[in-house]
N, C-alpha and C. Protein backbone atom coordinates (compact mmCIF):
# COMPACT_ATOMS: atom_id res chain seq x y z
N MET A 1 116.29 105.66 120.46
CA MET A 1 116.82 107.21 119.39
C MET A 1 116.12 107.89 118.98
N LYS A 2 116.46 109.33 118.34
CA LYS A 2 115.35 110.04 118.60
C LYS A 2 115.73 110.60 116.44
N ILE A 3 114.99 110.19 115.98
CA ILE A 3 114.96 111.48 115.05
C ILE A 3 114.20 112.07 114.24
N TYR A 4 114.90 113.29 114.06
CA TYR A 4 114.48 115.03 113.93
C TYR A 4 113.91 114.83 112.34
N GLY A 5 112.70 115.13 112.02
CA GLY A 5 112.56 115.24 111.22
C GLY A 5 111.88 115.87 110.51
N ASP A 6 111.39 116.39 109.05
CA ASP A 6 109.68 116.56 108.61
C ASP A 6 109.56 115.34 107.46
N THR A 7 108.72 114.63 107.46
CA THR A 7 108.76 113.17 106.19
C THR A 7 107.93 113.93 105.31
N GLN A 8 107.98 114.66 104.87
CA GLN A 8 107.62 115.37 103.96
C GLN A 8 108.53 116.03 103.03
N SER A 9 110.35 116.06 103.39
CA SER A 9 111.41 116.03 103.20
C SER A 9 111.79 114.57 102.56
N GLY A 10 112.08 114.64 101.70
CA GLY A 10 113.10 113.02 100.90
C GLY A 10 113.98 113.02 102.21
N ASN A 11 114.79 113.75 102.05
CA ASN A 11 116.36 113.52 103.06
C ASN A 11 115.83 113.25 104.37
N CYS A 12 114.37 113.64 104.95
CA CYS A 12 113.57 112.91 105.97
C CYS A 12 113.30 111.48 105.64
N TYR A 13 112.42 112.08 104.52
CA TYR A 13 111.70 110.32 104.27
C TYR A 13 112.65 109.06 104.45
N LYS A 14 113.89 109.17 103.55
CA LYS A 14 115.09 108.18 103.59
C LYS A 14 114.96 107.30 105.00
N LEU A 15 114.70 108.19 105.90
CA LEU A 15 115.02 107.37 107.36
C LEU A 15 113.86 106.71 108.03
N LYS A 16 112.98 107.12 107.31
CA LYS A 16 111.26 106.59 108.04
C LYS A 16 111.07 105.75 107.32
N LEU A 17 111.89 105.21 106.28
CA LEU A 17 111.34 104.15 104.99
C LEU A 17 112.54 103.29 105.39
N LEU A 18 113.45 103.60 105.72
CA LEU A 18 114.58 102.56 106.29
C LEU A 18 114.17 101.82 107.11
N CYS A 19 114.18 103.24 108.52
CA CYS A 19 113.83 102.06 109.57
C CYS A 19 112.17 101.05 109.62
N SER A 20 110.93 101.59 108.51
CA SER A 20 110.35 100.77 108.37
C SER A 20 110.98 98.95 107.63
N LEU A 21 111.64 99.42 106.69
CA LEU A 21 112.02 97.91 106.11
C LEU A 21 112.79 97.12 107.10
N LEU A 22 113.62 97.90 108.17
CA LEU A 22 114.73 97.45 108.75
C LEU A 22 114.16 97.15 110.40
N SER A 23 112.58 97.70 110.39
CA SER A 23 111.94 97.65 111.95
C SER A 23 113.14 98.16 113.06
N ILE A 24 113.31 99.34 113.23
CA ILE A 24 113.94 100.11 113.56
C ILE A 24 113.43 100.86 114.70
N HIS A 25 113.71 100.41 115.94
CA HIS A 25 112.11 101.37 116.87
C HIS A 25 112.74 102.67 117.06
N HIS A 26 112.21 103.89 116.87
CA HIS A 26 112.66 104.57 117.01
C HIS A 26 111.55 106.12 117.40
N GLN A 27 112.12 107.12 117.84
CA GLN A 27 111.26 108.13 118.20
C GLN A 27 111.06 108.97 117.27
N TRP A 28 110.42 109.31 116.28
CA TRP A 28 110.16 110.48 115.53
C TRP A 28 109.68 112.22 115.90
N VAL A 29 110.70 112.94 116.23
CA VAL A 29 110.65 114.25 116.22
C VAL A 29 110.32 115.43 114.98
N ALA A 30 108.88 115.20 114.96
CA ALA A 30 108.29 116.16 113.94
C ALA A 30 109.12 117.92 114.08
N VAL A 31 109.45 118.31 113.10
CA VAL A 31 110.44 119.48 113.15
C VAL A 31 109.94 120.40 111.81
N ASP A 32 109.24 121.66 112.05
CA ASP A 32 108.78 122.17 110.58
C ASP A 32 109.90 123.57 110.89
N ILE A 33 110.92 122.91 108.92
CA ILE A 33 111.19 124.03 108.83
C ILE A 33 111.18 125.54 108.51
N LEU A 34 110.06 125.48 107.73
CA LEU A 34 109.49 126.83 107.01
C LEU A 34 108.95 127.84 108.52
N LYS A 35 108.82 127.24 109.78
CA LYS A 35 108.57 128.05 111.24
C LYS A 35 109.77 128.37 111.89
N GLY A 36 110.99 127.77 111.39
CA GLY A 36 112.30 128.06 111.61
C GLY A 36 112.70 127.04 113.19
N GLU A 37 111.86 125.97 113.10
CA GLU A 37 112.34 124.99 114.27
C GLU A 37 113.86 124.39 114.09
N THR A 38 114.50 124.08 113.05
CA THR A 38 115.86 123.84 113.14
C THR A 38 116.74 124.91 113.84
N GLN A 39 116.39 126.39 113.33
CA GLN A 39 117.33 127.61 113.82
C GLN A 39 117.08 127.67 115.51
N THR A 40 116.74 127.23 116.61
CA THR A 40 116.36 127.70 118.13
C THR A 40 117.71 126.98 118.74
N ALA A 41 117.78 127.58 119.77
CA ALA A 41 119.05 127.67 120.68
C ALA A 41 119.23 125.94 121.36
N GLU A 42 117.97 125.34 121.57
CA GLU A 42 117.81 123.85 121.69
C GLU A 42 118.23 122.95 120.38
N PHE A 43 117.58 123.33 119.28
CA PHE A 43 117.96 122.69 117.84
C PHE A 43 119.50 122.94 117.20
N LEU A 44 119.97 124.29 117.68
CA LEU A 44 121.35 124.26 117.18
C LEU A 44 122.08 123.56 117.87
N GLN A 45 121.76 123.39 119.51
CA GLN A 45 123.18 122.66 120.39
C GLN A 45 122.81 121.01 119.76
N LEU A 46 122.10 120.50 119.21
CA LEU A 46 122.30 118.94 118.86
C LEU A 46 123.14 119.21 117.66
N ASN A 47 122.32 119.89 116.37
CA ASN A 47 123.06 120.44 115.10
C ASN A 47 123.31 121.84 114.95
N PRO A 48 124.90 122.01 115.35
CA PRO A 48 125.17 123.84 114.80
C PRO A 48 124.83 123.69 113.67
N ASP A 49 124.60 123.07 112.29
CA ASP A 49 124.39 123.21 110.92
C ASP A 49 122.73 123.40 110.60
N GLY A 50 122.12 123.32 111.83
CA GLY A 50 120.59 124.24 111.53
C GLY A 50 119.95 123.59 110.85
N LYS A 51 120.34 121.75 110.47
CA LYS A 51 119.40 121.10 109.22
C LYS A 51 119.03 120.10 109.91
N ILE A 52 118.03 119.39 108.87
CA ILE A 52 117.91 117.73 109.43
C ILE A 52 117.61 117.12 107.95
N PRO A 53 117.52 115.90 107.70
CA PRO A 53 117.65 114.81 109.83
C PRO A 53 118.91 115.06 110.37
N LEU A 54 118.17 114.79 111.47
CA LEU A 54 119.08 114.57 112.85
C LEU A 54 118.88 113.25 113.44
N LEU A 55 119.88 112.04 114.20
CA LEU A 55 119.99 110.65 114.22
C LEU A 55 120.91 111.36 115.87
N VAL A 56 119.74 111.34 117.19
CA VAL A 56 120.07 111.43 118.23
C VAL A 56 120.19 110.02 118.99
N MET A 57 121.28 109.08 119.45
CA MET A 57 121.23 108.24 119.69
C MET A 57 121.06 108.09 121.12
N ASP A 58 120.92 106.82 121.36
CA ASP A 58 120.32 107.02 123.54
C ASP A 58 121.81 107.52 123.75
N ASP A 59 122.63 107.08 123.94
CA ASP A 59 123.65 108.15 124.74
C ASP A 59 124.35 109.15 124.43
N GLY A 60 123.35 109.70 123.57
CA GLY A 60 123.48 111.26 123.32
C GLY A 60 123.95 111.40 122.40
N GLU A 61 124.55 111.29 121.05
CA GLU A 61 125.49 111.34 120.21
C GLU A 61 124.61 111.25 119.34
N CYS A 62 125.04 112.47 118.17
CA CYS A 62 124.13 113.16 117.15
C CYS A 62 125.07 112.69 115.95
N LEU A 63 123.88 112.08 114.92
CA LEU A 63 124.36 111.98 113.58
C LEU A 63 123.76 112.93 112.96
N ALA A 64 124.55 113.75 111.94
CA ALA A 64 123.21 114.51 110.72
C ALA A 64 123.78 113.91 109.38
N GLU A 65 123.67 114.40 108.37
CA GLU A 65 123.27 114.00 106.85
C GLU A 65 122.64 112.65 106.53
N SER A 66 121.44 112.72 105.74
CA SER A 66 120.80 111.64 105.80
C SER A 66 121.26 110.84 105.44
N ASN A 67 122.40 110.82 104.61
CA ASN A 67 123.08 108.95 103.51
C ASN A 67 124.15 108.66 104.82
N ALA A 68 124.87 109.50 105.56
CA ALA A 68 125.13 109.03 106.23
C ALA A 68 124.85 108.23 107.51
N ILE A 69 123.90 108.75 107.94
CA ILE A 69 122.87 108.17 109.19
C ILE A 69 122.17 106.54 108.33
N LEU A 70 121.98 107.02 107.24
CA LEU A 70 121.49 105.25 105.94
C LEU A 70 122.65 104.54 106.70
N PHE A 71 123.48 105.03 105.98
CA PHE A 71 124.57 104.42 106.20
C PHE A 71 124.85 103.51 107.69
N TYR A 72 124.52 104.84 108.65
CA TYR A 72 124.98 103.34 109.79
C TYR A 72 124.31 103.16 110.34
N LEU A 73 122.87 103.45 110.19
CA LEU A 73 121.29 102.80 110.62
C LEU A 73 121.56 101.16 109.55
N ALA A 74 121.57 101.18 108.51
CA ALA A 74 121.80 100.07 107.68
C ALA A 74 122.91 98.87 107.98
N ARG A 75 123.48 99.31 108.86
CA ARG A 75 125.06 98.08 108.83
C ARG A 75 124.58 97.18 109.59
N LYS A 76 125.11 95.97 108.54
CA LYS A 76 124.86 94.67 109.19
C LYS A 76 123.14 94.19 108.59
N SER A 77 122.74 94.58 107.63
CA SER A 77 121.70 94.64 107.23
C SER A 77 121.46 94.08 105.76
N TYR A 78 120.58 93.65 105.35
CA TYR A 78 121.08 93.58 103.84
C TYR A 78 120.85 94.51 102.57
N LEU A 79 120.26 95.48 103.61
CA LEU A 79 120.31 96.74 102.55
C LEU A 79 121.82 97.76 102.50
N LEU A 80 123.10 96.64 102.96
CA LEU A 80 124.48 97.53 102.87
C LEU A 80 125.31 96.30 102.51
N PRO A 81 125.77 95.95 101.60
CA PRO A 81 126.40 94.93 100.69
C PRO A 81 127.84 95.04 101.54
N GLU A 82 128.21 93.75 102.06
CA GLU A 82 129.68 93.52 102.57
C GLU A 82 130.57 93.64 101.95
N ASN A 83 130.19 93.78 100.81
CA ASN A 83 131.58 93.47 99.69
C ASN A 83 132.41 94.77 99.66
N HIS A 84 133.39 95.37 99.45
CA HIS A 84 133.86 96.55 100.14
C HIS A 84 133.92 97.46 98.41
N LEU A 85 133.77 97.04 97.14
CA LEU A 85 133.62 97.70 95.72
C LEU A 85 132.38 98.02 95.92
N GLN A 86 131.45 96.92 96.46
CA GLN A 86 129.77 96.98 96.35
C GLN A 86 129.54 98.28 97.36
N GLN A 87 130.32 98.38 98.50
CA GLN A 87 130.20 99.42 99.52
C GLN A 87 130.55 100.49 98.87
N ALA A 88 131.30 101.05 98.03
CA ALA A 88 131.86 102.11 97.61
C ALA A 88 130.87 102.16 96.09
N ARG A 89 130.05 101.17 95.67
CA ARG A 89 129.29 101.94 94.78
C ARG A 89 127.91 102.42 95.17
N VAL A 90 127.66 101.96 96.24
CA VAL A 90 126.38 102.55 97.37
C VAL A 90 126.98 103.80 97.54
N LEU A 91 127.92 104.31 97.92
CA LEU A 91 128.23 105.56 98.21
C LEU A 91 128.33 106.31 96.61
N GLN A 92 129.03 106.16 95.55
CA GLN A 92 129.01 106.51 94.62
C GLN A 92 127.82 107.09 94.00
N TRP A 93 126.40 106.43 94.36
CA TRP A 93 125.22 106.87 93.69
C TRP A 93 124.48 107.57 94.80
N GLN A 94 124.85 107.64 96.74
CA GLN A 94 124.65 108.37 97.00
C GLN A 94 125.22 109.80 97.11
N PHE A 95 126.95 110.22 96.73
CA PHE A 95 126.56 111.55 96.20
C PHE A 95 126.56 111.51 94.83
N PHE A 96 125.92 110.78 94.06
CA PHE A 96 125.54 111.16 92.91
C PHE A 96 124.15 111.90 93.35
N GLU A 97 123.50 111.23 94.14
CA GLU A 97 122.60 111.56 94.55
C GLU A 97 122.48 113.08 95.31
N GLN A 98 123.34 113.39 96.15
CA GLN A 98 123.51 114.76 96.50
C GLN A 98 124.28 116.27 95.81
N TYR A 99 124.75 115.30 94.67
CA TYR A 99 125.26 116.53 94.30
C TYR A 99 124.86 116.55 92.55
N SER A 100 123.89 115.79 92.38
CA SER A 100 123.79 115.81 90.91
C SER A 100 122.20 115.38 90.78
N HIS A 101 121.59 115.32 91.82
CA HIS A 101 120.00 114.17 91.51
C HIS A 101 119.35 115.61 92.58
N GLU A 102 119.78 115.42 93.80
CA GLU A 102 118.94 116.54 95.01
C GLU A 102 118.79 117.83 94.58
N PRO A 103 119.92 118.91 94.32
CA PRO A 103 120.36 119.78 93.68
C PRO A 103 118.88 120.80 93.16
N TYR A 104 118.82 119.52 92.09
CA TYR A 104 117.51 120.12 90.85
C TYR A 104 116.55 119.47 91.42
N ILE A 105 116.03 118.46 91.53
CA ILE A 105 115.13 117.63 91.62
C ILE A 105 114.36 118.43 92.81
N ALA A 106 115.34 117.88 94.33
CA ALA A 106 114.49 118.27 95.60
C ALA A 106 113.65 119.69 95.52
N VAL A 107 115.28 121.31 94.88
CA VAL A 107 115.00 122.18 95.14
C VAL A 107 114.12 122.47 94.20
N ALA A 108 113.26 122.15 92.99
CA ALA A 108 112.54 122.81 92.39
C ALA A 108 110.94 121.82 93.25
N ARG A 109 110.92 121.00 93.66
CA ARG A 109 109.97 120.63 94.67
C ARG A 109 109.76 121.31 95.40
N PHE A 110 111.21 121.75 96.14
CA PHE A 110 110.41 122.70 97.32
C PHE A 110 109.95 124.06 96.66
N ILE A 111 110.54 124.45 95.72
CA ILE A 111 109.27 125.40 95.51
C ILE A 111 108.57 125.89 95.05
N ALA A 112 108.01 124.91 93.98
CA ALA A 112 106.85 124.24 93.77
C ALA A 112 105.90 124.10 94.56
N ARG A 113 105.64 122.80 95.55
CA ARG A 113 105.24 122.48 96.47
C ARG A 113 104.81 123.21 98.23
N TYR A 114 106.28 123.81 98.26
CA TYR A 114 106.23 124.41 99.73
C TYR A 114 106.13 125.71 99.60
N LEU A 115 106.97 126.43 98.38
CA LEU A 115 106.89 128.25 98.60
C LEU A 115 105.45 128.17 97.53
N GLY A 116 104.71 127.37 97.22
CA GLY A 116 104.04 127.71 95.84
C GLY A 116 104.38 128.44 94.41
N LEU A 117 105.46 128.39 93.81
CA LEU A 117 106.09 128.51 92.63
C LEU A 117 105.71 130.01 92.78
N PRO A 118 106.35 131.36 93.52
CA PRO A 118 106.33 131.99 93.39
C PRO A 118 107.14 133.04 92.30
N GLU A 119 106.54 134.12 92.25
CA GLU A 119 106.93 134.82 90.73
C GLU A 119 108.46 134.65 90.97
N ASP A 120 109.18 135.12 91.95
CA ASP A 120 110.26 136.01 92.36
C ASP A 120 111.61 134.53 92.35
N ARG A 121 110.38 133.46 92.54
CA ARG A 121 111.52 132.16 92.44
C ARG A 121 111.11 131.08 90.62
N ARG A 122 110.67 131.77 89.82
CA ARG A 122 109.91 131.00 88.83
C ARG A 122 111.51 130.43 87.99
N GLY A 123 112.24 131.94 87.90
CA GLY A 123 113.92 131.50 87.10
C GLY A 123 114.21 130.62 87.74
N GLU A 124 114.70 130.69 89.06
CA GLU A 124 115.41 129.69 89.83
C GLU A 124 114.34 127.95 89.23
N TYR A 125 113.50 128.34 89.18
CA TYR A 125 112.61 126.75 88.97
C TYR A 125 112.86 126.10 88.03
N MET A 126 113.09 127.17 86.95
CA MET A 126 113.24 126.19 85.88
C MET A 126 114.27 126.20 85.38
N SER A 127 115.33 127.00 86.01
CA SER A 127 116.99 126.54 85.66
C SER A 127 117.25 124.94 85.90
N LYS A 128 116.49 124.65 86.91
CA LYS A 128 116.22 123.24 87.78
C LYS A 128 116.04 122.07 86.71
N ARG A 129 115.65 122.54 85.53
CA ARG A 129 115.36 121.76 84.77
C ARG A 129 115.99 120.58 84.12
N ALA A 130 116.87 120.99 83.53
CA ALA A 130 117.90 120.36 82.92
C ALA A 130 118.70 119.27 83.54
N GLY A 131 119.31 119.82 84.89
CA GLY A 131 120.18 118.83 85.69
C GLY A 131 119.14 118.45 86.47
N GLY A 132 117.92 118.46 86.71
CA GLY A 132 116.80 116.92 87.05
C GLY A 132 116.75 116.32 85.99
N TYR A 133 116.87 116.49 84.63
CA TYR A 133 116.54 115.56 83.85
C TYR A 133 117.72 114.62 83.23
N ARG A 134 119.05 115.05 83.09
CA ARG A 134 120.33 114.69 83.47
C ARG A 134 119.88 113.93 84.54
N ALA A 135 119.78 113.61 85.56
CA ALA A 135 120.16 112.91 86.61
C ALA A 135 118.93 111.82 86.46
N LEU A 136 117.64 111.98 85.99
CA LEU A 136 116.98 110.82 85.67
C LEU A 136 117.82 110.24 84.38
N ASP A 137 118.08 110.73 83.50
CA ASP A 137 118.57 110.03 82.11
C ASP A 137 119.73 109.26 82.91
N VAL A 138 120.49 109.69 83.53
CA VAL A 138 121.70 108.67 84.33
C VAL A 138 121.10 107.51 84.98
N MET A 139 120.05 107.72 85.74
CA MET A 139 118.86 106.79 86.35
C MET A 139 118.56 105.39 85.23
N GLU A 140 117.50 106.09 84.46
CA GLU A 140 117.13 105.18 83.21
C GLU A 140 118.16 104.44 82.74
N GLN A 141 119.12 104.70 82.42
CA GLN A 141 120.09 104.08 81.77
C GLN A 141 120.65 102.81 82.67
N LYS A 142 120.98 103.06 83.92
CA LYS A 142 121.40 102.43 84.30
C LYS A 142 120.08 101.17 84.72
N LEU A 143 118.89 101.65 85.25
CA LEU A 143 117.55 100.75 85.57
C LEU A 143 117.11 100.09 84.54
N GLN A 144 118.02 100.26 83.13
CA GLN A 144 117.25 99.41 81.91
C GLN A 144 118.09 97.85 81.76
N SER A 145 119.17 98.31 82.47
CA SER A 145 119.54 96.85 81.91
C SER A 145 119.92 96.13 84.08
N ALA A 146 119.42 96.79 85.17
CA ALA A 146 119.75 96.40 86.06
C ALA A 146 118.22 96.41 87.13
N GLN A 147 118.01 95.84 88.29
CA GLN A 147 116.73 95.73 88.65
C GLN A 147 116.98 97.07 90.32
N PHE A 148 118.19 97.17 91.01
CA PHE A 148 118.30 98.09 91.35
C PHE A 148 119.94 98.62 91.11
N LEU A 149 120.28 99.78 92.40
CA LEU A 149 121.46 100.42 91.45
C LEU A 149 122.24 99.68 92.03
N VAL A 150 122.55 99.20 92.82
CA VAL A 150 124.00 98.16 92.94
C VAL A 150 123.04 97.14 93.51
N GLY A 151 124.76 96.13 92.73
CA GLY A 151 124.37 94.31 93.18
C GLY A 151 122.17 94.26 92.82
N ASN A 152 122.25 93.18 93.31
CA ASN A 152 120.89 92.53 92.81
C ASN A 152 119.59 92.46 93.72
N GLN A 153 119.61 93.32 94.69
CA GLN A 153 119.20 93.66 95.28
C GLN A 153 118.84 95.21 96.41
N CYS A 154 117.56 95.43 96.52
CA CYS A 154 117.78 97.15 97.25
C CYS A 154 118.90 97.52 98.16
N THR A 155 119.57 97.99 98.15
CA THR A 155 120.01 99.09 99.09
C THR A 155 119.90 100.08 99.44
N ILE A 156 120.77 101.17 100.47
CA ILE A 156 120.48 101.90 100.86
C ILE A 156 120.93 103.26 99.64
N ALA A 157 121.45 102.82 98.25
CA ALA A 157 121.68 103.82 97.51
C ALA A 157 120.35 103.76 96.79
N ASP A 158 119.54 102.54 96.55
CA ASP A 158 117.79 103.08 95.98
C ASP A 158 117.05 103.13 96.99
N ILE A 159 117.28 103.27 98.32
CA ILE A 159 116.70 104.39 98.82
C ILE A 159 116.85 105.95 99.00
N SER A 160 118.24 106.22 98.79
CA SER A 160 118.44 107.81 99.09
C SER A 160 117.55 108.12 97.45
N LEU A 161 117.83 107.51 96.57
CA LEU A 161 117.57 108.12 95.25
C LEU A 161 115.63 108.45 95.41
N TYR A 162 115.37 107.01 95.90
CA TYR A 162 113.83 107.01 95.56
C TYR A 162 112.89 107.90 96.38
N ALA A 163 113.36 108.76 97.33
CA ALA A 163 112.86 109.40 98.61
C ALA A 163 112.37 110.58 97.12
N TYR A 164 113.35 111.19 96.60
CA TYR A 164 112.80 112.56 95.96
C TYR A 164 112.66 112.37 94.88
N THR A 165 112.63 111.17 93.88
CA THR A 165 112.63 110.22 92.78
C THR A 165 111.41 109.79 92.57
N HIS A 166 110.47 109.77 93.07
CA HIS A 166 109.06 109.17 93.37
C HIS A 166 108.27 110.12 93.45
N VAL A 167 108.83 111.39 93.65
CA VAL A 167 107.82 112.54 94.18
C VAL A 167 108.14 113.57 93.45
N ALA A 168 108.89 113.53 91.90
CA ALA A 168 109.86 114.67 90.96
C ALA A 168 108.87 114.54 90.10
N ASP A 169 107.60 114.52 90.11
CA ASP A 169 106.31 115.13 89.32
C ASP A 169 105.83 116.34 90.58
N GLU A 170 106.11 116.26 91.21
CA GLU A 170 105.82 117.47 92.49
C GLU A 170 106.24 118.43 92.34
N GLY A 171 107.73 118.42 91.41
CA GLY A 171 109.03 119.76 90.86
C GLY A 171 108.67 119.59 89.69
N GLY A 172 107.68 119.17 88.98
CA GLY A 172 107.61 119.14 87.39
C GLY A 172 107.93 118.45 86.19
N PHE A 173 108.27 117.28 86.85
CA PHE A 173 109.61 116.18 86.39
C PHE A 173 108.42 115.40 85.57
N ASP A 174 108.50 115.05 84.62
CA ASP A 174 107.83 113.63 84.24
C ASP A 174 108.34 112.51 84.00
N LEU A 175 107.73 111.59 85.12
CA LEU A 175 108.30 110.59 84.54
C LEU A 175 107.72 109.55 84.16
N SER A 176 106.79 109.79 83.05
CA SER A 176 106.41 108.74 82.14
C SER A 176 107.47 108.31 81.27
N ARG A 177 108.23 109.41 81.19
CA ARG A 177 109.29 109.07 79.85
C ARG A 177 110.67 108.34 80.64
N TYR A 178 110.27 107.74 81.76
CA TYR A 178 111.52 106.82 82.51
C TYR A 178 110.36 105.48 82.31
N PRO A 179 110.39 104.49 81.97
CA PRO A 179 109.84 103.64 81.98
C PRO A 179 110.42 102.32 83.15
N ALA A 180 111.83 102.34 82.60
CA ALA A 180 113.15 101.48 83.41
C ALA A 180 112.76 102.03 85.29
N ILE A 181 112.85 103.63 85.46
CA ILE A 181 112.81 104.37 86.51
C ILE A 181 111.30 103.71 87.62
N SER A 182 109.89 103.84 86.17
CA SER A 182 109.04 103.75 86.93
C SER A 182 108.69 101.93 87.32
N ASP A 183 109.27 100.71 87.33
CA ASP A 183 109.95 99.72 86.98
C ASP A 183 110.06 99.74 87.89
N TRP A 184 111.35 100.14 88.30
CA TRP A 184 112.16 100.43 90.00
C TRP A 184 111.24 100.95 90.96
N LEU A 185 110.12 101.76 90.83
CA LEU A 185 109.64 102.29 91.61
C LEU A 185 108.51 101.64 92.39
N GLY A 186 108.20 100.75 91.31
CA GLY A 186 107.36 99.80 91.87
C GLY A 186 108.13 98.65 92.36
N ARG A 187 109.50 98.15 92.32
CA ARG A 187 109.86 96.82 92.95
C ARG A 187 110.19 97.75 94.20
N ILE A 188 110.74 99.21 94.40
CA ILE A 188 110.38 99.53 95.90
C ILE A 188 109.38 99.55 97.10
N GLN A 189 108.23 100.00 95.92
CA GLN A 189 106.99 100.20 96.87
C GLN A 189 106.27 98.53 97.41
N SER A 190 107.34 97.81 96.81
CA SER A 190 106.91 95.99 96.81
C SER A 190 107.75 95.50 97.99
N LEU A 191 108.58 96.03 98.72
CA LEU A 191 109.44 95.66 99.71
C LEU A 191 108.85 95.17 100.65
N GLY A 192 108.79 94.51 101.60
CA GLY A 192 108.04 94.17 102.75
C GLY A 192 108.66 95.41 104.18
N GLY A 193 107.93 95.70 104.23
CA GLY A 193 107.70 97.19 105.32
C GLY A 193 107.95 98.46 104.73
N TYR A 194 107.76 98.43 103.43
CA TYR A 194 107.28 99.44 102.87
C TYR A 194 106.56 100.53 103.26
N ILE A 195 106.91 101.73 103.70
CA ILE A 195 105.99 103.14 103.99
C ILE A 195 106.18 104.15 102.71
N GLY A 196 105.15 104.72 102.82
CA GLY A 196 105.02 105.94 101.47
C GLY A 196 105.37 107.32 103.32
N MET A 197 105.32 108.49 102.36
CA MET A 197 105.57 109.57 102.95
C MET A 197 104.51 110.14 103.96
N ASP A 198 103.10 109.59 103.23
CA ASP A 198 102.18 110.21 103.93
C ASP A 198 102.03 109.30 105.06
N ASP A 199 102.36 107.91 105.11
CA ASP A 199 102.16 106.76 105.75
C ASP A 199 101.95 107.00 107.65
């Protein structure tokens, strides 16, 4: 199977990390969004939404949206609980990541790191701070009394939120304010098969 993505994108890195943790064989196809490579006719045939990451299976079936791909690839592994309530809690955190975390932390990082914080985006960048810190506050509260976000071991909920949290400082967020999150980041980095964004 092929995964189309940019490893500096947290949404794409989620899949790189999961495949490494689970030793899933795949071909990584590098895509540069800044060069418009997700808007070519060839790519739009695979994903009309024109976004990465994208999973293309051996039979040609395509699956988009990072958390949906995580859910699919993690089936029957330790990263996805069998208990239905636990699975729902995983989804709860993944929806939180996409609606309450990523729109603030990832966008601030994109403006600062990818675009170089241009003056015409500075107001937007500053507007992301309150929402980003609110999301980190929610995570910190949970992780003060738990090793991972769902249950007693790492799940795809943790992978979803790890991706942009561990580089939140690149968006101007001060993680030193969050000792429980910092410990959690360390626990994920100590997992067998862990791989970093730049590895």
